[in-house]
Amino acid sequence: MKDRAQALYVTPSPTMFINRNRINTLALAARLPTMHSAGEYVGTTGLMSYELVINLKTAKALRLDIPSTLLARADEVIE
């Protein structure tokens, strides 16, 4: 997965929601940033969602710097 992608977009579905912990854990282990459609996915080590929820702990694990201007626009920031 790491050699074929630079990021992972997780589409919204009941199957993806049920498996969100596993998806995010595997993506984090592969150092792949994840984008989700809902904030509920981000709390389980996802990186961010279209509701603009940003997980700084995951960003740090991926060695990503999130610009302060983006953080200021976020609806929620998980530290």
C-alpha atoms as a PDB file:
ATOM      1  CA  MET A   1       0.000   0.000   0.000  1.00  0.00           C
ATOM      2  CA  LYS A   2       2.796   2.451   0.854  1.00  0.00           C
ATOM      3  CA  ASP A   3       4.569   2.102  -2.509  1.00  0.00           C
ATOM      4  CA  ARG A   4       1.383   2.672  -4.504  1.00  0.00           C
ATOM      5  CA  ALA A   5      -0.295   5.614  -2.782  1.00  0.00           C
ATOM      6  CA  GLN A   6       0.600   8.901  -1.136  1.00  0.00           C
ATOM      7  CA  ALA A   7      -2.657   9.191   0.824  1.00  0.00           C
ATOM      8  CA  LEU A   8      -5.865   7.282   1.503  1.00  0.00           C
ATOM      9  CA  TYR A   9      -9.414   8.580   1.042  1.00  0.00           C
ATOM     10  CA  VAL A  10     -11.902   6.441   2.957  1.00  0.00           C
ATOM     11  CA  THR A  11     -15.333   6.468   1.356  1.00  0.00           C
ATOM     12  CA  PRO A  12     -18.350   6.604   3.654  1.00  0.00           C
ATOM     13  CA  SER A  13     -20.086   3.276   4.145  1.00  0.00           C
ATOM     14  CA  PRO A  14     -21.215   1.089   7.044  1.00  0.00           C
ATOM     15  CA  THR A  15     -18.400  -1.377   6.303  1.00  0.00           C
ATOM     16  CA  MET A  16     -15.759   1.341   6.405  1.00  0.00           C
ATOM     17  CA  PHE A  17     -17.208   2.777   9.608  1.00  0.00           C
ATOM     18  CA  ILE A  18     -17.179  -0.603  11.340  1.00  0.00           C
ATOM     19  CA  ASN A  19     -13.566  -1.143  10.257  1.00  0.00           C
ATOM     20  CA  ARG A  20     -12.347   2.429  10.846  1.00  0.00           C
ATOM     21  CA  ASN A  21      -9.941   1.454  13.633  1.00  0.00           C
ATOM     22  CA  ARG A  22      -8.271  -1.191  11.498  1.00  0.00           C
ATOM     23  CA  ILE A  23      -8.155   1.030   8.403  1.00  0.00           C
ATOM     24  CA  ASN A  24      -6.605   3.918  10.303  1.00  0.00           C
ATOM     25  CA  THR A  25      -4.136   1.702  12.176  1.00  0.00           C
ATOM     26  CA  LEU A  26      -2.916   0.084   8.953  1.00  0.00           C
ATOM     27  CA  ALA A  27      -2.717   3.438   7.161  1.00  0.00           C
ATOM     28  CA  LEU A  28      -0.747   4.956  10.027  1.00  0.00           C
ATOM     29  CA  ALA A  29       1.634   1.976  10.073  1.00  0.00           C
ATOM     30  CA  ALA A  30       2.161   2.510   6.327  1.00  0.00           C
ATOM     31  CA  ARG A  31       2.623   6.264   7.007  1.00  0.00           C
ATOM     32  CA  LEU A  32      -0.334   7.140   4.772  1.00  0.00           C
ATOM     33  CA  PRO A  33      -2.355  10.252   5.638  1.00  0.00           C
ATOM     34  CA  THR A  34      -6.097   9.573   5.636  1.00  0.00           C
ATOM     35  CA  MET A  35      -9.001  11.777   4.586  1.00  0.00           C
ATOM     36  CA  HIS A  36     -12.493  10.860   5.770  1.00  0.00           C
ATOM     37  CA  SER A  37     -15.994  12.123   5.127  1.00  0.00           C
ATOM     38  CA  ALA A  38     -16.958  12.333   8.810  1.00  0.00           C
ATOM     39  CA  GLY A  39     -15.250  13.353  12.019  1.00  0.00           C
ATOM     40  CA  GLU A  40     -16.076  10.048  13.742  1.00  0.00           C
ATOM     41  CA  TYR A  41     -13.356   8.397  11.645  1.00  0.00           C
ATOM     42  CA  VAL A  42     -10.688  10.879  12.761  1.00  0.00           C
ATOM     43  CA  GLY A  43     -10.842  10.109  16.468  1.00  0.00           C
ATOM     44  CA  THR A  44      -9.407   6.642  15.790  1.00  0.00           C
ATOM     45  CA  THR A  45      -6.041   7.868  14.441  1.00  0.00           C
ATOM     46  CA  GLY A  46      -7.430   9.188  11.171  1.00  0.00           C
ATOM     47  CA  LEU A  47      -5.790  12.423  10.009  1.00  0.00           C
ATOM     48  CA  MET A  48      -8.660  14.670   8.918  1.00  0.00           C
ATOM     49  CA  SER A  49     -12.223  14.803   7.594  1.00  0.00           C
ATOM     50  CA  TYR A  50     -14.313  16.983   5.287  1.00  0.00           C
ATOM     51  CA  GLU A  51     -16.112  18.303   8.328  1.00  0.00           C
ATOM     52  CA  LEU A  52     -12.558  19.607   8.905  1.00  0.00           C
ATOM     53  CA  VAL A  53     -11.592  17.709  11.985  1.00  0.00           C
ATOM     54  CA  ILE A  54      -7.793  17.437  12.268  1.00  0.00           C
ATOM     55  CA  ASN A  55      -5.977  14.950  14.487  1.00  0.00           C
ATOM     56  CA  LEU A  56      -2.640  16.530  15.480  1.00  0.00           C
ATOM     57  CA  LYS A  57      -1.419  13.343  17.157  1.00  0.00           C
ATOM     58  CA  THR A  58      -1.741  11.497  13.847  1.00  0.00           C
ATOM     59  CA  ALA A  59      -0.145  14.394  11.964  1.00  0.00           C
ATOM     60  CA  LYS A  60       2.823  14.202  14.344  1.00  0.00           C
ATOM     61  CA  ALA A  61       3.108  10.427  13.861  1.00  0.00           C
ATOM     62  CA  LEU A  62       3.155  11.013  10.087  1.00  0.00           C
ATOM     63  CA  ARG A  63       5.673  13.856  10.562  1.00  0.00           C
ATOM     64  CA  LEU A  64       3.307  16.327   8.912  1.00  0.00           C
ATOM     65  CA  ASP A  65       3.205  19.991   9.794  1.00  0.00           C
ATOM     66  CA  ILE A  66      -0.347  21.340   9.648  1.00  0.00           C
ATOM     67  CA  PRO A  67      -0.306  25.083   8.881  1.00  0.00           C
ATOM     68  CA  SER A  68      -1.751  27.279  11.597  1.00  0.00           C
ATOM     69  CA  THR A  69      -4.106  28.860   9.048  1.00  0.00           C
ATOM     70  CA  LEU A  70      -5.654  25.438   8.374  1.00  0.00           C
ATOM     71  CA  LEU A  71      -5.898  24.693  12.098  1.00  0.00           C
ATOM     72  CA  ALA A  72      -7.685  28.011  12.603  1.00  0.00           C
ATOM     73  CA  ARG A  73     -10.330  26.979  10.054  1.00  0.00           C
ATOM     74  CA  ALA A  74     -10.892  23.539  11.552  1.00  0.00           C
ATOM     75  CA  ASP A  75     -14.205  22.800  13.240  1.00  0.00           C
ATOM     76  CA  GLU A  76     -12.357  20.544  15.681  1.00  0.00           C
ATOM     77  CA  VAL A  77      -8.691  19.842  16.443  1.00  0.00           C
ATOM     78  CA  ILE A  78      -7.809  16.624  18.276  1.00  0.00           C
ATOM     79  CA  GLU A  79      -4.575  16.935  20.265  1.00  0.00           C
END
